[in-house]
Amino acid sequence: MKASLASAIVLLIGAFVTRCGDEHPGEKWPGPAILLSPAPFISAGWDHACAIRGNGTLACWGSNEELDCPPWSGSPCFTHYWGQAVAPEGWFVALDAGTFHTCGVREDGTLACWGANESFSCVPFGPCTVFDGGQSTPPAGAFRSVSAGYTHSCGVEAAGTIRCWGANEHGQSSPPAGQFQAVAAGTSHTCALRLSGELTCWGLNWSGQTDAPAGVFASISAGGSFNCGLRPDGHLECWGSNTSGQTESPAGVFRMVAAGSDHACGIRPDDTVECWGFNHTSGSVVNGHFLSEGRIPPGPFVTISAGFARTCGIRRDGTAACWGAWAGASDAPPGPFKTE
């Protein structure tokens, strides 16, 4: 959800998936109810966002393109049209926006992904080669949840095992064996929550983002090159890259956390939102926190998602709000959107 973005908000232990519409009775996932949190009904990507409407259909907004200016390369800038903000038809129970692609879980448990399905490799001071990344080509079968990263995606299957697809140059798409509650895909790494509540991470470890802390967690969210986890008592722990104070989480109790590119946000028990890390809007940070809390719109918020340079959330009345850079990706359409 990202400094090559990988917003990945995932379900907390005991989180539920509610089938869409009054005609569909609610269904709870198995697992110990250590701490409840809303399912990911909204997700912010690089410069697009998607959310599930109250009737279970999707709404996406923002850019459908990617402007690439490869660093240290002889290749010029080029624009791709990916269609990451073109929502597919059908009814969904969960979704997650990656850098330039999005994946969702349909009400029958099957997956749908749309947007970028390619990646590129650049020779230093030389040309770039575009190749099939496969991050938008999900496997068949039934899934409990899904998380979209930069050029890879992962999901928790109905049996609790993890499947990943897409790029794997750092091992980010090679999950360990076992059963899991949730998975979170970062830029080039992945973390997952075991049934025991313990974390395991794999993939690129340049900034220590795969060095998961010991102990039990209630949820995990993977950002660009860092992660934040919520302990069962509601306290936060973040680790990995701290270039902008994004791992310096505030004290106190939260009920949800969302890691973005190089900032993070959490929801307090009173439904207020607090954010920390780099503020792309003004470029100014004091002690790792946004200078102006007034930039966060009034709630109360049920769920949030941190993207590249913005954050989006759904209020308890079903309206959505986004704040941060790039107005097109921050202009949420009218609701109502799912809240439970």
C-alpha atoms as a PDB file:
ATOM      1  CA  MET A   1       0.000   0.000   0.000  1.00  0.00           C
ATOM      2  CA  LYS A   2       5.330   3.074  -0.692  1.00  0.00           C
ATOM      3  CA  ALA A   3       8.602   4.113  -2.031  1.00  0.00           C
ATOM      4  CA  SER A   4       7.914   1.750  -4.712  1.00  0.00           C
ATOM      5  CA  LEU A   5       4.563   1.401  -3.065  1.00  0.00           C
ATOM      6  CA  ALA A   6       3.139  -1.670  -1.492  1.00  0.00           C
ATOM      7  CA  SER A   7       0.170  -0.819   0.584  1.00  0.00           C
ATOM      8  CA  ALA A   8      -1.045  -3.903   2.256  1.00  0.00           C
ATOM      9  CA  ILE A   9      -3.672  -3.810   4.826  1.00  0.00           C
ATOM     10  CA  VAL A  10      -4.703  -7.224   6.049  1.00  0.00           C
ATOM     11  CA  LEU A  11      -7.304  -8.747   8.311  1.00  0.00           C
ATOM     12  CA  LEU A  12      -6.664  -8.955  12.010  1.00  0.00           C
ATOM     13  CA  ILE A  13      -6.990 -12.232  13.863  1.00  0.00           C
ATOM     14  CA  GLY A  14     -10.643 -13.054  14.158  1.00  0.00           C
ATOM     15  CA  ALA A  15     -11.584 -10.461  11.539  1.00  0.00           C
ATOM     16  CA  PHE A  16     -14.666 -11.280   9.569  1.00  0.00           C
ATOM     17  CA  VAL A  17     -15.729 -11.254   5.958  1.00  0.00           C
ATOM     18  CA  THR A  18     -19.346 -10.262   5.490  1.00  0.00           C
ATOM     19  CA  ARG A  19     -20.947 -11.264   2.224  1.00  0.00           C
ATOM     20  CA  CYS A  20     -22.393  -8.403   0.270  1.00  0.00           C
ATOM     21  CA  GLY A  21     -25.980  -7.245   0.413  1.00  0.00           C
ATOM     22  CA  ASP A  22     -28.894  -8.038   2.689  1.00  0.00           C
ATOM     23  CA  GLU A  23     -29.596 -11.195   0.734  1.00  0.00           C
ATOM     24  CA  HIS A  24     -26.268 -12.697   1.811  1.00  0.00           C
ATOM     25  CA  PRO A  25     -25.937 -13.743   5.446  1.00  0.00           C
ATOM     26  CA  GLY A  26     -22.694 -12.878   7.210  1.00  0.00           C
ATOM     27  CA  GLU A  27     -19.980 -15.504   7.424  1.00  0.00           C
ATOM     28  CA  LYS A  28     -17.174 -15.466   9.967  1.00  0.00           C
ATOM     29  CA  TRP A  29     -13.705 -16.772   9.344  1.00  0.00           C
ATOM     30  CA  PRO A  30     -12.272 -19.347  11.733  1.00  0.00           C
ATOM     31  CA  GLY A  31      -9.608 -18.283  14.157  1.00  0.00           C
ATOM     32  CA  PRO A  32      -9.200 -16.981  17.703  1.00  0.00           C
ATOM     33  CA  ALA A  33     -10.824 -13.613  18.301  1.00  0.00           C
ATOM     34  CA  ILE A  34      -7.789 -11.922  19.858  1.00  0.00           C
ATOM     35  CA  LEU A  35      -8.716  -8.505  18.490  1.00  0.00           C
ATOM     36  CA  LEU A  36     -11.398  -7.607  16.001  1.00  0.00           C
ATOM     37  CA  SER A  37     -10.917  -5.124  13.195  1.00  0.00           C
ATOM     38  CA  PRO A  38     -12.849  -4.247  10.049  1.00  0.00           C
ATOM     39  CA  ALA A  39     -12.092  -6.106   6.869  1.00  0.00           C
ATOM     40  CA  PRO A  40     -10.166  -4.096   4.230  1.00  0.00           C
ATOM     41  CA  PHE A  41     -13.071  -2.423   2.454  1.00  0.00           C
ATOM     42  CA  ILE A  42     -10.894   0.441   1.144  1.00  0.00           C
ATOM     43  CA  SER A  43      -7.316   0.478  -0.104  1.00  0.00           C
ATOM     44  CA  ALA A  44      -4.967   3.188  -1.383  1.00  0.00           C
ATOM     45  CA  GLY A  45      -2.307   2.444  -4.003  1.00  0.00           C
ATOM     46  CA  TRP A  46       0.359   4.607  -5.629  1.00  0.00           C
ATOM     47  CA  ASP A  47      -1.992   7.120  -7.230  1.00  0.00           C
ATOM     48  CA  HIS A  48      -5.268   5.220  -7.247  1.00  0.00           C
ATOM     49  CA  ALA A  49      -7.641   3.819  -4.647  1.00  0.00           C
ATOM     50  CA  CYS A  50     -10.515   1.326  -4.554  1.00  0.00           C
ATOM     51  CA  ALA A  51     -13.326   0.592  -2.105  1.00  0.00           C
ATOM     52  CA  ILE A  52     -16.269  -1.770  -1.738  1.00  0.00           C
ATOM     53  CA  ARG A  53     -19.677  -0.134  -1.913  1.00  0.00           C
ATOM     54  CA  GLY A  54     -22.494  -1.032   0.431  1.00  0.00           C
ATOM     55  CA  ASN A  55     -23.980  -3.361  -2.186  1.00  0.00           C
ATOM     56  CA  GLY A  56     -20.682  -5.234  -2.627  1.00  0.00           C
ATOM     57  CA  THR A  57     -19.650  -3.707  -5.966  1.00  0.00           C
ATOM     58  CA  LEU A  58     -16.353  -1.881  -6.403  1.00  0.00           C
ATOM     59  CA  ALA A  59     -15.502   1.758  -6.981  1.00  0.00           C
ATOM     60  CA  CYS A  60     -11.985   2.810  -8.024  1.00  0.00           C
ATOM     61  CA  TRP A  61     -10.632   6.295  -8.693  1.00  0.00           C
ATOM     62  CA  GLY A  62      -7.372   8.065  -9.501  1.00  0.00           C
ATOM     63  CA  SER A  63      -4.814   7.416 -12.222  1.00  0.00           C
ATOM     64  CA  ASN A  64      -4.794   4.459 -14.606  1.00  0.00           C
ATOM     65  CA  GLU A  65      -1.226   5.106 -15.696  1.00  0.00           C
ATOM     66  CA  GLU A  66       2.361   4.782 -14.506  1.00  0.00           C
ATOM     67  CA  LEU A  67       5.138   7.215 -15.419  1.00  0.00           C
ATOM     68  CA  ASP A  68       8.498   5.466 -15.294  1.00  0.00           C
ATOM     69  CA  CYS A  69      11.741   7.417 -15.222  1.00  0.00           C
ATOM     70  CA  PRO A  70      14.300   4.646 -14.609  1.00  0.00           C
ATOM     71  CA  PRO A  71      17.171   5.849 -12.413  1.00  0.00           C
ATOM     72  CA  TRP A  72      20.757   5.373 -13.551  1.00  0.00           C
ATOM     73  CA  SER A  73      19.494   4.253 -16.940  1.00  0.00           C
ATOM     74  CA  GLY A  74      19.943   5.429 -20.498  1.00  0.00           C
ATOM     75  CA  SER A  75      16.221   4.856 -21.120  1.00  0.00           C
ATOM     76  CA  PRO A  76      13.905   7.884 -21.352  1.00  0.00           C
ATOM     77  CA  CYS A  77      10.769   8.274 -19.242  1.00  0.00           C
ATOM     78  CA  PHE A  78       7.802   6.328 -20.540  1.00  0.00           C
ATOM     79  CA  THR A  79       4.120   6.051 -19.627  1.00  0.00           C
ATOM     80  CA  HIS A  80       2.164   2.813 -19.251  1.00  0.00           C
ATOM     81  CA  TYR A  81      -1.606   2.525 -19.182  1.00  0.00           C
ATOM     82  CA  TRP A  82      -2.463  -0.226 -16.705  1.00  0.00           C
ATOM     83  CA  GLY A  83      -6.124   0.355 -15.844  1.00  0.00           C
ATOM     84  CA  GLN A  84      -5.625  -0.043 -12.098  1.00  0.00           C
ATOM     85  CA  ALA A  85      -8.532   2.312 -11.424  1.00  0.00           C
ATOM     86  CA  VAL A  86     -10.954   0.460 -13.734  1.00  0.00           C
ATOM     87  CA  ALA A  87     -12.959  -1.673 -11.313  1.00  0.00           C
ATOM     88  CA  PRO A  88     -14.211  -5.073 -12.508  1.00  0.00           C
ATOM     89  CA  GLU A  89     -17.849  -6.033 -12.242  1.00  0.00           C
ATOM     90  CA  GLY A  90     -19.196  -8.355  -9.583  1.00  0.00           C
ATOM     91  CA  TRP A  91     -19.459  -8.507  -5.805  1.00  0.00           C
ATOM     92  CA  PHE A  92     -16.457  -8.466  -3.497  1.00  0.00           C
ATOM     93  CA  VAL A  93     -15.793  -9.015   0.204  1.00  0.00           C
ATOM     94  CA  ALA A  94     -12.195  -7.732   0.455  1.00  0.00           C
ATOM     95  CA  LEU A  95      -9.584  -5.961  -1.665  1.00  0.00           C
ATOM     96  CA  ASP A  96      -6.063  -4.548  -1.570  1.00  0.00           C
ATOM     97  CA  ALA A  97      -4.396  -1.976  -3.833  1.00  0.00           C
ATOM     98  CA  GLY A  98      -0.741  -2.442  -4.696  1.00  0.00           C
ATOM     99  CA  THR A  99       1.530  -0.049  -6.540  1.00  0.00           C
ATOM    100  CA  PHE A 100      -0.103  -0.169  -9.958  1.00  0.00           C
ATOM    101  CA  HIS A 101      -2.449  -3.113  -9.586  1.00  0.00           C
ATOM    102  CA  THR A 102      -5.288  -4.185  -7.295  1.00  0.00           C
ATOM    103  CA  CYS A 103      -6.613  -7.558  -6.195  1.00  0.00           C
ATOM    104  CA  GLY A 104      -9.939  -8.457  -4.633  1.00  0.00           C
ATOM    105  CA  VAL A 105     -11.710 -11.467  -3.141  1.00  0.00           C
ATOM    106  CA  ARG A 106     -15.083 -12.173  -4.723  1.00  0.00           C
ATOM    107  CA  GLU A 107     -17.962 -13.394  -2.587  1.00  0.00           C
ATOM    108  CA  ASP A 108     -17.337 -16.977  -3.745  1.00  0.00           C
ATOM    109  CA  GLY A 109     -13.720 -16.762  -2.564  1.00  0.00           C
ATOM    110  CA  THR A 110     -12.121 -16.549  -6.011  1.00  0.00           C
ATOM    111  CA  LEU A 111      -9.681 -13.767  -6.803  1.00  0.00           C
ATOM    112  CA  ALA A 112      -9.676 -11.006  -9.381  1.00  0.00           C
ATOM    113  CA  CYS A 113      -6.693  -8.746 -10.070  1.00  0.00           C
ATOM    114  CA  TRP A 114      -6.453  -5.830 -12.486  1.00  0.00           C
ATOM    115  CA  GLY A 115      -3.914  -3.214 -13.509  1.00  0.00           C
ATOM    116  CA  ALA A 116      -0.208  -3.707 -14.134  1.00  0.00           C
ATOM    117  CA  ASN A 117       0.883  -7.243 -14.919  1.00  0.00           C
ATOM    118  CA  GLU A 118       4.417  -6.399 -15.986  1.00  0.00           C
ATOM    119  CA  SER A 119       7.648  -5.174 -14.477  1.00  0.00           C
ATOM    120  CA  PHE A 120      10.935  -3.880 -15.835  1.00  0.00           C
ATOM    121  CA  SER A 121      14.613  -4.379 -15.217  1.00  0.00           C
ATOM    122  CA  CYS A 122      17.126  -1.631 -16.012  1.00  0.00           C
ATOM    123  CA  VAL A 123      20.830  -1.993 -16.683  1.00  0.00           C
ATOM    124  CA  PRO A 124      22.719   0.801 -14.860  1.00  0.00           C
ATOM    125  CA  PHE A 125      23.218   3.597 -17.363  1.00  0.00           C
ATOM    126  CA  GLY A 126      21.787   1.255 -19.976  1.00  0.00           C
ATOM    127  CA  PRO A 127      18.434   0.171 -21.422  1.00  0.00           C
ATOM    128  CA  CYS A 128      15.393  -1.171 -19.584  1.00  0.00           C
ATOM    129  CA  THR A 129      13.664  -4.450 -20.361  1.00  0.00           C
ATOM    130  CA  VAL A 130       9.954  -4.922 -19.718  1.00  0.00           C
ATOM    131  CA  PHE A 131       8.889  -8.449 -18.761  1.00  0.00           C
ATOM    132  CA  ASP A 132       5.769 -10.272 -17.601  1.00  0.00           C
ATOM    133  CA  GLY A 133       5.544  -9.840 -13.856  1.00  0.00           C
ATOM    134  CA  GLY A 134       2.372 -11.849 -13.337  1.00  0.00           C
ATOM    135  CA  GLN A 135       1.208  -9.904 -10.272  1.00  0.00           C
ATOM    136  CA  SER A 136      -2.275  -9.510 -11.765  1.00  0.00           C
ATOM    137  CA  THR A 137      -2.622 -13.176 -12.757  1.00  0.00           C
ATOM    138  CA  PRO A 138      -3.958 -14.819  -9.593  1.00  0.00           C
ATOM    139  CA  PRO A 139      -4.228 -18.573  -9.135  1.00  0.00           C
ATOM    140  CA  ALA A 140      -7.519 -20.422  -9.125  1.00  0.00           C
ATOM    141  CA  GLY A 141      -9.200 -21.593  -5.950  1.00  0.00           C
ATOM    142  CA  ALA A 142     -10.870 -20.115  -2.887  1.00  0.00           C
ATOM    143  CA  PHE A 143      -9.110 -17.495  -0.774  1.00  0.00           C
ATOM    144  CA  ARG A 144      -9.796 -15.853   2.572  1.00  0.00           C
ATOM    145  CA  SER A 145      -7.818 -12.663   1.909  1.00  0.00           C
ATOM    146  CA  VAL A 146      -5.437 -11.064  -0.584  1.00  0.00           C
ATOM    147  CA  SER A 147      -2.625  -8.517  -0.436  1.00  0.00           C
ATOM    148  CA  ALA A 148      -1.084  -6.669  -3.401  1.00  0.00           C
ATOM    149  CA  GLY A 149       2.507  -5.418  -3.292  1.00  0.00           C
ATOM    150  CA  TYR A 150       4.697  -3.767  -5.901  1.00  0.00           C
ATOM    151  CA  THR A 151       5.151  -6.525  -8.508  1.00  0.00           C
ATOM    152  CA  HIS A 152       3.878  -9.474  -6.489  1.00  0.00           C
ATOM    153  CA  SER A 153       0.707 -10.480  -4.678  1.00  0.00           C
ATOM    154  CA  CYS A 154      -0.142 -13.027  -1.998  1.00  0.00           C
ATOM    155  CA  GLY A 155      -3.312 -14.530  -0.600  1.00  0.00           C
ATOM    156  CA  VAL A 156      -4.415 -16.774   2.236  1.00  0.00           C
ATOM    157  CA  GLU A 157      -6.176 -19.826   0.810  1.00  0.00           C
ATOM    158  CA  ALA A 158      -9.297 -21.345   2.329  1.00  0.00           C
ATOM    159  CA  ALA A 159      -7.135 -23.977   4.019  1.00  0.00           C
ATOM    160  CA  GLY A 160      -4.988 -21.275   5.642  1.00  0.00           C
ATOM    161  CA  THR A 161      -1.938 -21.779   3.429  1.00  0.00           C
ATOM    162  CA  ILE A 162      -0.352 -18.886   1.528  1.00  0.00           C
ATOM    163  CA  ARG A 163      -0.038 -18.606  -2.249  1.00  0.00           C
ATOM    164  CA  CYS A 164       1.994 -15.858  -3.908  1.00  0.00           C
ATOM    165  CA  TRP A 165       2.397 -14.904  -7.555  1.00  0.00           C
ATOM    166  CA  GLY A 166       4.358 -12.359  -9.555  1.00  0.00           C
ATOM    167  CA  ALA A 167       7.972 -11.239  -9.182  1.00  0.00           C
ATOM    168  CA  ASN A 168      10.221 -13.337  -6.982  1.00  0.00           C
ATOM    169  CA  GLU A 169      13.710 -11.903  -7.474  1.00  0.00           C
ATOM    170  CA  HIS A 170      14.090 -11.449  -3.719  1.00  0.00           C
ATOM    171  CA  GLY A 171      12.099 -14.497  -2.672  1.00  0.00           C
ATOM    172  CA  GLN A 172       9.063 -12.354  -1.817  1.00  0.00           C
ATOM    173  CA  SER A 173       6.754 -14.836  -3.586  1.00  0.00           C
ATOM    174  CA  SER A 174       8.158 -17.918  -1.836  1.00  0.00           C
ATOM    175  CA  PRO A 175       6.077 -18.239   1.338  1.00  0.00           C
ATOM    176  CA  PRO A 176       6.861 -20.694   4.125  1.00  0.00           C
ATOM    177  CA  ALA A 177       4.713 -23.709   4.802  1.00  0.00           C
ATOM    178  CA  GLY A 178       2.033 -23.744   7.453  1.00  0.00           C
ATOM    179  CA  GLN A 179      -1.323 -22.174   8.187  1.00  0.00           C
ATOM    180  CA  PHE A 180      -1.806 -18.452   8.548  1.00  0.00           C
ATOM    181  CA  GLN A 181      -4.376 -15.895   9.613  1.00  0.00           C
ATOM    182  CA  ALA A 182      -3.276 -13.079   7.300  1.00  0.00           C
ATOM    183  CA  VAL A 183      -0.633 -12.003   4.798  1.00  0.00           C
ATOM    184  CA  ALA A 184       0.763  -8.573   3.883  1.00  0.00           C
ATOM    185  CA  ALA A 185       2.783  -7.898   0.738  1.00  0.00           C
ATOM    186  CA  GLY A 186       5.285  -5.040   0.833  1.00  0.00           C
ATOM    187  CA  THR A 187       7.430  -3.616  -1.938  1.00  0.00           C
ATOM    188  CA  SER A 188       9.792  -6.596  -2.248  1.00  0.00           C
ATOM    189  CA  HIS A 189       9.028  -8.443   0.960  1.00  0.00           C
ATOM    190  CA  THR A 190       6.085 -10.195   2.587  1.00  0.00           C
ATOM    191  CA  CYS A 191       4.971 -10.814   6.151  1.00  0.00           C
ATOM    192  CA  ALA A 192       2.321 -13.171   7.494  1.00  0.00           C
ATOM    193  CA  LEU A 193       0.554 -13.894  10.743  1.00  0.00           C
ATOM    194  CA  ARG A 194       0.562 -17.524  11.866  1.00  0.00           C
ATOM    195  CA  LEU A 195      -2.357 -19.158  13.675  1.00  0.00           C
ATOM    196  CA  SER A 196      -0.364 -18.764  16.880  1.00  0.00           C
ATOM    197  CA  GLY A 197      -0.214 -14.989  16.364  1.00  0.00           C
ATOM    198  CA  GLU A 198       3.524 -15.069  15.666  1.00  0.00           C
ATOM    199  CA  LEU A 199       4.929 -13.283  12.624  1.00  0.00           C
ATOM    200  CA  THR A 200       7.183 -14.503   9.859  1.00  0.00           C
ATOM    201  CA  CYS A 201       8.561 -12.382   7.020  1.00  0.00           C
ATOM    202  CA  TRP A 202      10.518 -13.176   3.857  1.00  0.00           C
ATOM    203  CA  GLY A 203      11.998 -11.451   0.822  1.00  0.00           C
ATOM    204  CA  LEU A 204      14.274  -8.405   0.562  1.00  0.00           C
ATOM    205  CA  ASN A 205      15.765  -7.456   3.925  1.00  0.00           C
ATOM    206  CA  TRP A 206      17.752  -4.357   3.004  1.00  0.00           C
ATOM    207  CA  SER A 207      16.319  -2.321   5.871  1.00  0.00           C
ATOM    208  CA  GLY A 208      15.547  -5.113   8.330  1.00  0.00           C
ATOM    209  CA  GLN A 209      11.932  -5.308   7.177  1.00  0.00           C
ATOM    210  CA  THR A 210      11.898  -9.114   7.368  1.00  0.00           C
ATOM    211  CA  ASP A 211      13.329  -9.207  10.907  1.00  0.00           C
ATOM    212  CA  ALA A 212       9.963  -9.703  12.558  1.00  0.00           C
ATOM    213  CA  PRO A 213       9.800  -9.085  16.308  1.00  0.00           C
ATOM    214  CA  ALA A 214       9.104 -12.004  18.585  1.00  0.00           C
ATOM    215  CA  GLY A 215       5.829 -12.480  20.391  1.00  0.00           C
ATOM    216  CA  VAL A 216       2.155 -12.496  19.526  1.00  0.00           C
ATOM    217  CA  PHE A 217       0.485  -9.982  17.216  1.00  0.00           C
ATOM    218  CA  ALA A 218      -3.136  -9.325  16.330  1.00  0.00           C
ATOM    219  CA  SER A 219      -2.484  -7.838  12.881  1.00  0.00           C
ATOM    220  CA  ILE A 220       0.257  -6.967  10.410  1.00  0.00           C
ATOM    221  CA  SER A 221       0.526  -4.266   7.721  1.00  0.00           C
ATOM    222  CA  ALA A 222       3.434  -4.125   5.266  1.00  0.00           C
ATOM    223  CA  GLY A 223       4.588  -0.804   3.828  1.00  0.00           C
ATOM    224  CA  GLY A 224       7.321   0.162   1.397  1.00  0.00           C
ATOM    225  CA  SER A 225      10.342  -1.162   3.309  1.00  0.00           C
ATOM    226  CA  PHE A 226       8.870  -1.332   6.789  1.00  0.00           C
ATOM    227  CA  ASN A 227       6.025  -2.965   8.669  1.00  0.00           C
ATOM    228  CA  CYS A 228       3.758  -2.201  11.579  1.00  0.00           C
ATOM    229  CA  GLY A 229       2.066  -4.764  13.747  1.00  0.00           C
ATOM    230  CA  LEU A 230      -0.629  -4.466  16.378  1.00  0.00           C
ATOM    231  CA  ARG A 231      -0.176  -6.367  19.617  1.00  0.00           C
ATOM    232  CA  PRO A 232      -3.208  -8.019  21.267  1.00  0.00           C
ATOM    233  CA  ASP A 233      -3.202  -5.274  23.899  1.00  0.00           C
ATOM    234  CA  GLY A 234      -3.539  -2.613  21.176  1.00  0.00           C
ATOM    235  CA  HIS A 235       0.025  -1.285  21.284  1.00  0.00           C
ATOM    236  CA  LEU A 236       1.992  -0.853  18.071  1.00  0.00           C
ATOM    237  CA  GLU A 237       5.396  -2.082  17.010  1.00  0.00           C
ATOM    238  CA  CYS A 238       6.988  -1.018  13.706  1.00  0.00           C
ATOM    239  CA  TRP A 239      10.304  -2.112  12.188  1.00  0.00           C
ATOM    240  CA  GLY A 240      12.364  -1.758   9.015  1.00  0.00           C
ATOM    241  CA  SER A 241      13.295   1.446   7.202  1.00  0.00           C
ATOM    242  CA  ASN A 242      12.977   4.578   9.332  1.00  0.00           C
ATOM    243  CA  THR A 243      14.074   7.247   6.851  1.00  0.00           C
ATOM    244  CA  SER A 244      11.125   9.478   7.769  1.00  0.00           C
ATOM    245  CA  GLY A 245      10.212   8.302  11.239  1.00  0.00           C
ATOM    246  CA  GLN A 246       7.685   5.795   9.892  1.00  0.00           C
ATOM    247  CA  THR A 247       8.671   3.155  12.454  1.00  0.00           C
ATOM    248  CA  GLU A 248       8.426   5.607  15.380  1.00  0.00           C
ATOM    249  CA  SER A 249       4.854   4.748  16.244  1.00  0.00           C
ATOM    250  CA  PRO A 250       3.071   6.829  18.886  1.00  0.00           C
ATOM    251  CA  ALA A 251       2.371   5.511  22.347  1.00  0.00           C
ATOM    252  CA  GLY A 252      -1.029   4.384  23.456  1.00  0.00           C
ATOM    253  CA  VAL A 253      -3.635   1.950  22.246  1.00  0.00           C
ATOM    254  CA  PHE A 254      -4.877   1.476  18.689  1.00  0.00           C
ATOM    255  CA  ARG A 255      -7.400  -0.877  17.138  1.00  0.00           C
ATOM    256  CA  MET A 256      -6.020  -0.776  13.570  1.00  0.00           C
ATOM    257  CA  VAL A 257      -2.781   0.150  11.799  1.00  0.00           C
ATOM    258  CA  ALA A 258      -1.985   0.796   8.116  1.00  0.00           C
ATOM    259  CA  ALA A 259       1.543   1.074   6.712  1.00  0.00           C
ATOM    260  CA  GLY A 260       2.128   3.092   3.528  1.00  0.00           C
ATOM    261  CA  SER A 261       5.195   3.999   1.497  1.00  0.00           C
ATOM    262  CA  ASP A 262       7.029   5.856   4.246  1.00  0.00           C
ATOM    263  CA  HIS A 263       4.216   6.860   6.561  1.00  0.00           C
ATOM    264  CA  ALA A 264       1.680   4.991   8.649  1.00  0.00           C
ATOM    265  CA  CYS A 265      -1.667   5.693  10.282  1.00  0.00           C
ATOM    266  CA  GLY A 266      -3.662   4.065  13.024  1.00  0.00           C
ATOM    267  CA  ILE A 267      -7.191   4.216  14.395  1.00  0.00           C
ATOM    268  CA  ARG A 268      -7.609   4.776  18.108  1.00  0.00           C
ATOM    269  CA  PRO A 269     -10.399   3.050  20.099  1.00  0.00           C
ATOM    270  CA  ASP A 270     -12.403   6.274  19.880  1.00  0.00           C
ATOM    271  CA  ASP A 271     -12.309   6.047  16.029  1.00  0.00           C
ATOM    272  CA  THR A 272      -9.911   8.979  15.615  1.00  0.00           C
ATOM    273  CA  VAL A 273      -6.944   8.676  13.232  1.00  0.00           C
ATOM    274  CA  GLU A 274      -3.309   9.458  14.019  1.00  0.00           C
ATOM    275  CA  CYS A 275      -0.503   9.388  11.425  1.00  0.00           C
ATOM    276  CA  TRP A 276       3.294   9.480  11.571  1.00  0.00           C
ATOM    277  CA  GLY A 277       6.197   9.434   9.134  1.00  0.00           C
ATOM    278  CA  PHE A 278       6.853  11.564   6.073  1.00  0.00           C
ATOM    279  CA  ASN A 279       4.262  14.121   5.039  1.00  0.00           C
ATOM    280  CA  HIS A 280       4.400  14.281   1.244  1.00  0.00           C
ATOM    281  CA  THR A 281       1.947  17.179   1.133  1.00  0.00           C
ATOM    282  CA  SER A 282       4.219  19.673   2.874  1.00  0.00           C
ATOM    283  CA  GLY A 283       7.456  17.705   3.006  1.00  0.00           C
ATOM    284  CA  SER A 284       7.767  18.543   6.678  1.00  0.00           C
ATOM    285  CA  VAL A 285       7.877  16.233   9.660  1.00  0.00           C
ATOM    286  CA  VAL A 286       8.318  16.935  13.345  1.00  0.00           C
ATOM    287  CA  ASN A 287       9.345  13.950  15.446  1.00  0.00           C
ATOM    288  CA  GLY A 288       8.017  11.632  12.789  1.00  0.00           C
ATOM    289  CA  HIS A 289       4.505  13.082  12.981  1.00  0.00           C
ATOM    290  CA  PHE A 290       2.480  15.139  10.526  1.00  0.00           C
ATOM    291  CA  LEU A 291       2.790  18.822  11.334  1.00  0.00           C
ATOM    292  CA  SER A 292      -0.905  19.484  10.956  1.00  0.00           C
ATOM    293  CA  GLU A 293      -3.414  17.076  12.438  1.00  0.00           C
ATOM    294  CA  GLY A 294      -5.962  19.254  10.654  1.00  0.00           C
ATOM    295  CA  ARG A 295      -4.951  17.548   7.411  1.00  0.00           C
ATOM    296  CA  ILE A 296      -6.765  14.458   8.618  1.00  0.00           C
ATOM    297  CA  PRO A 297     -10.490  14.911   7.945  1.00  0.00           C
ATOM    298  CA  PRO A 298     -12.993  14.440  10.753  1.00  0.00           C
ATOM    299  CA  GLY A 299     -14.272  10.931  11.447  1.00  0.00           C
ATOM    300  CA  PRO A 300     -15.247   8.755  13.099  1.00  0.00           C
ATOM    301  CA  PHE A 301     -13.424   6.173  10.957  1.00  0.00           C
ATOM    302  CA  VAL A 302     -14.086   2.443  10.749  1.00  0.00           C
ATOM    303  CA  THR A 303     -11.131   1.473   8.570  1.00  0.00           C
ATOM    304  CA  ILE A 304      -8.157   3.133   6.867  1.00  0.00           C
ATOM    305  CA  SER A 305      -5.492   2.367   4.260  1.00  0.00           C
ATOM    306  CA  ALA A 306      -2.148   4.130   3.769  1.00  0.00           C
ATOM    307  CA  GLY A 307      -0.827   4.422   0.208  1.00  0.00           C
ATOM    308  CA  PHE A 308       2.104   6.186  -1.432  1.00  0.00           C
ATOM    309  CA  ALA A 309       1.376   9.816  -0.597  1.00  0.00           C
ATOM    310  CA  ARG A 310      -2.140   9.608   0.739  1.00  0.00           C
ATOM    311  CA  THR A 311      -4.393   7.827   3.172  1.00  0.00           C
ATOM    312  CA  CYS A 312      -7.999   6.771   2.648  1.00  0.00           C
ATOM    313  CA  GLY A 313     -10.627   5.713   5.141  1.00  0.00           C
ATOM    314  CA  ILE A 314     -14.292   4.846   5.515  1.00  0.00           C
ATOM    315  CA  ARG A 315     -16.319   6.633   8.173  1.00  0.00           C
ATOM    316  CA  ARG A 316     -18.974   4.969  10.283  1.00  0.00           C
ATOM    317  CA  ASP A 317     -21.680   6.606   8.168  1.00  0.00           C
ATOM    318  CA  GLY A 318     -20.318   4.849   5.063  1.00  0.00           C
ATOM    319  CA  THR A 319     -18.712   7.889   3.444  1.00  0.00           C
ATOM    320  CA  ALA A 320     -15.102   7.700   2.244  1.00  0.00           C
ATOM    321  CA  ALA A 321     -12.386  10.308   2.618  1.00  0.00           C
ATOM    322  CA  CYS A 322      -8.838  10.506   1.273  1.00  0.00           C
ATOM    323  CA  TRP A 323      -6.133  13.015   2.127  1.00  0.00           C
ATOM    324  CA  GLY A 324      -2.614  13.680   0.904  1.00  0.00           C
ATOM    325  CA  ALA A 325      -1.007  14.368  -2.466  1.00  0.00           C
ATOM    326  CA  TRP A 326      -2.467  14.165  -5.982  1.00  0.00           C
ATOM    327  CA  ALA A 327      -6.049  15.308  -5.871  1.00  0.00           C
ATOM    328  CA  GLY A 328      -7.344  12.775  -8.406  1.00  0.00           C
ATOM    329  CA  ALA A 329      -6.430   9.855  -6.198  1.00  0.00           C
ATOM    330  CA  SER A 330      -7.650  11.674  -3.098  1.00  0.00           C
ATOM    331  CA  ASP A 331     -11.120  12.563  -4.408  1.00  0.00           C
ATOM    332  CA  ALA A 332     -13.199   9.699  -3.054  1.00  0.00           C
ATOM    333  CA  PRO A 333     -16.581   9.210  -4.767  1.00  0.00           C
ATOM    334  CA  PRO A 334     -19.817   9.427  -2.802  1.00  0.00           C
ATOM    335  CA  GLY A 335     -20.874   6.361  -0.817  1.00  0.00           C
ATOM    336  CA  PRO A 336     -22.173   4.566   0.932  1.00  0.00           C
ATOM    337  CA  PHE A 337     -19.315   2.094   1.316  1.00  0.00           C
ATOM    338  CA  LYS A 338     -19.140  -1.058   3.392  1.00  0.00           C
ATOM    339  CA  THR A 339     -18.415  -0.621   7.064  1.00  0.00           C
ATOM    340  CA  GLU A 340     -18.976  -4.173   8.294  1.00  0.00           C
END
